[in-house]
Amino acid sequence: MKSGWDRLRSMGYAEVAAAALDDADTMPLDEAPLNTPGRVPRVKIIRRALHLSQEEFASRYLIPLGTLRDWEQGRTEPDQAARAYLRVIAKEPETVSRALGTRDAA
């Protein structure tokens, strides 16, 4: 029988990020106040899990680079539609990239 750690080690970074977002016991990041020290916006977690630079992520998913930076630095929050788009990216990054025709944009 596999332990939780064995299962975790067998998962890719995108799978880990998606699983964390779906975990009912995980406290949602978007409910924390913007000025909370140590707050890491969800988009940064997704981007890092995909091993993409800000420029690569913005290009691949057609998000303006300034907007992405503002989200990551906590200057602004993604609106409801953008949060939904980020969830889709977290769950199906290759499918989104393929659908946008930006698969090789990174």
Protein backbone atom coordinates (compact mmCIF):
# COMPACT_ATOMS: atom_id res chain seq x y z
CA MET A 1 0.00 0.00 0.00
CA LYS A 2 1.36 3.38 -0.98
CA SER A 3 1.81 5.99 1.72
CA GLY A 4 0.64 9.56 1.20
CA TRP A 5 4.26 10.59 0.69
CA ASP A 6 4.78 7.93 -2.00
CA ARG A 7 1.67 9.14 -3.80
CA LEU A 8 2.84 12.75 -3.52
CA ARG A 9 6.30 11.90 -4.87
CA SER A 10 4.72 10.16 -7.88
CA MET A 11 2.68 13.25 -8.82
CA GLY A 12 3.86 16.03 -11.12
CA TYR A 13 3.98 19.62 -9.92
CA ALA A 14 0.80 20.58 -11.79
CA GLU A 15 -1.03 17.61 -10.23
CA VAL A 16 0.16 18.61 -6.75
CA ALA A 17 -0.99 22.21 -7.30
CA ALA A 18 -4.36 21.08 -8.63
CA ALA A 19 -4.82 18.63 -5.73
CA ALA A 20 -3.99 21.36 -3.22
CA LEU A 21 -6.59 23.66 -4.81
CA ASP A 22 -9.24 20.92 -4.63
CA ASP A 23 -8.48 19.87 -1.03
CA ALA A 24 -11.41 20.85 1.19
CA ASP A 25 -9.06 21.08 4.18
CA THR A 26 -6.76 23.58 2.47
CA MET A 27 -7.51 27.13 3.46
CA PRO A 28 -8.31 29.17 0.32
CA LEU A 29 -5.67 31.77 -0.42
CA ASP A 30 -8.08 34.26 -1.95
CA GLU A 31 -9.93 34.80 1.34
CA ALA A 32 -6.85 36.15 3.13
CA PRO A 33 -6.51 39.92 3.31
CA LEU A 34 -4.11 41.38 0.75
CA ASN A 35 -1.88 42.83 3.45
CA THR A 36 -1.34 39.51 5.24
CA PRO A 37 2.41 38.88 5.51
CA GLY A 38 3.61 35.85 3.60
CA ARG A 39 0.55 35.66 1.39
CA VAL A 40 1.39 34.00 -1.94
CA PRO A 41 -1.20 34.60 -4.67
CA ARG A 42 -2.56 31.41 -6.21
CA VAL A 43 -1.35 32.35 -9.70
CA LYS A 44 2.26 32.29 -8.50
CA ILE A 45 1.81 28.76 -7.15
CA ILE A 46 0.32 27.60 -10.43
CA ARG A 47 3.05 29.28 -12.49
CA ARG A 48 5.84 27.82 -10.38
CA ALA A 49 4.27 24.36 -10.45
CA LEU A 50 4.41 24.56 -14.25
CA HIS A 51 8.08 25.66 -14.12
CA LEU A 52 7.37 28.80 -16.15
CA SER A 53 8.77 32.30 -15.81
CA GLN A 54 6.31 35.17 -15.59
CA GLU A 55 7.00 35.99 -19.23
CA GLU A 56 6.48 32.37 -20.34
CA PHE A 57 3.25 31.97 -18.33
CA ALA A 58 1.83 35.29 -19.58
CA SER A 59 2.68 34.43 -23.18
CA ARG A 60 1.40 30.85 -23.04
CA TYR A 61 -1.92 31.74 -21.41
CA LEU A 62 -2.44 35.15 -23.08
CA ILE A 63 -2.42 37.11 -19.83
CA PRO A 64 -0.91 40.61 -20.00
CA LEU A 65 2.47 40.48 -18.24
CA GLY A 66 1.67 43.57 -16.13
CA THR A 67 -1.58 41.98 -14.97
CA LEU A 68 0.20 38.77 -14.01
CA ARG A 69 2.82 40.73 -12.05
CA ASP A 70 0.13 42.76 -10.29
CA TRP A 71 -1.64 39.53 -9.25
CA GLU A 72 1.55 37.89 -8.02
CA GLN A 73 2.67 40.95 -6.07
CA GLY A 74 -0.75 41.44 -4.48
CA ARG A 75 -1.39 44.85 -6.05
CA THR A 76 -4.61 43.55 -7.60
CA GLU A 77 -6.69 40.38 -7.37
CA PRO A 78 -7.95 38.36 -10.33
CA ASP A 79 -11.67 38.93 -10.88
CA GLN A 80 -14.10 36.02 -10.79
CA ALA A 81 -13.64 35.13 -14.47
CA ALA A 82 -9.84 35.27 -14.17
CA ARG A 83 -9.94 33.06 -11.05
CA ALA A 84 -12.02 30.51 -13.00
CA TYR A 85 -9.51 30.68 -15.89
CA LEU A 86 -6.62 30.11 -13.46
CA ARG A 87 -8.39 27.05 -12.03
CA VAL A 88 -8.73 25.62 -15.53
CA ILE A 89 -5.03 26.31 -16.18
CA ALA A 90 -4.14 24.56 -12.91
CA LYS A 91 -6.15 21.47 -13.84
CA GLU A 92 -5.45 21.27 -17.59
CA PRO A 93 -2.43 23.42 -18.49
CA GLU A 94 -1.59 21.61 -21.73
CA THR A 95 -5.20 21.56 -22.89
CA VAL A 96 -5.54 25.32 -22.35
CA SER A 97 -2.27 26.01 -24.14
CA ARG A 98 -3.28 23.77 -27.04
CA ALA A 99 -6.74 25.39 -27.26
CA LEU A 100 -5.16 28.84 -27.38
CA GLY A 101 -2.61 27.77 -29.97
CA THR A 102 0.24 28.84 -27.70
CA ARG A 103 1.65 25.43 -26.90
CA ASP A 104 5.16 26.37 -28.05
CA ALA A 105 4.98 29.97 -26.82
CA ALA A 106 7.15 29.30 -23.79
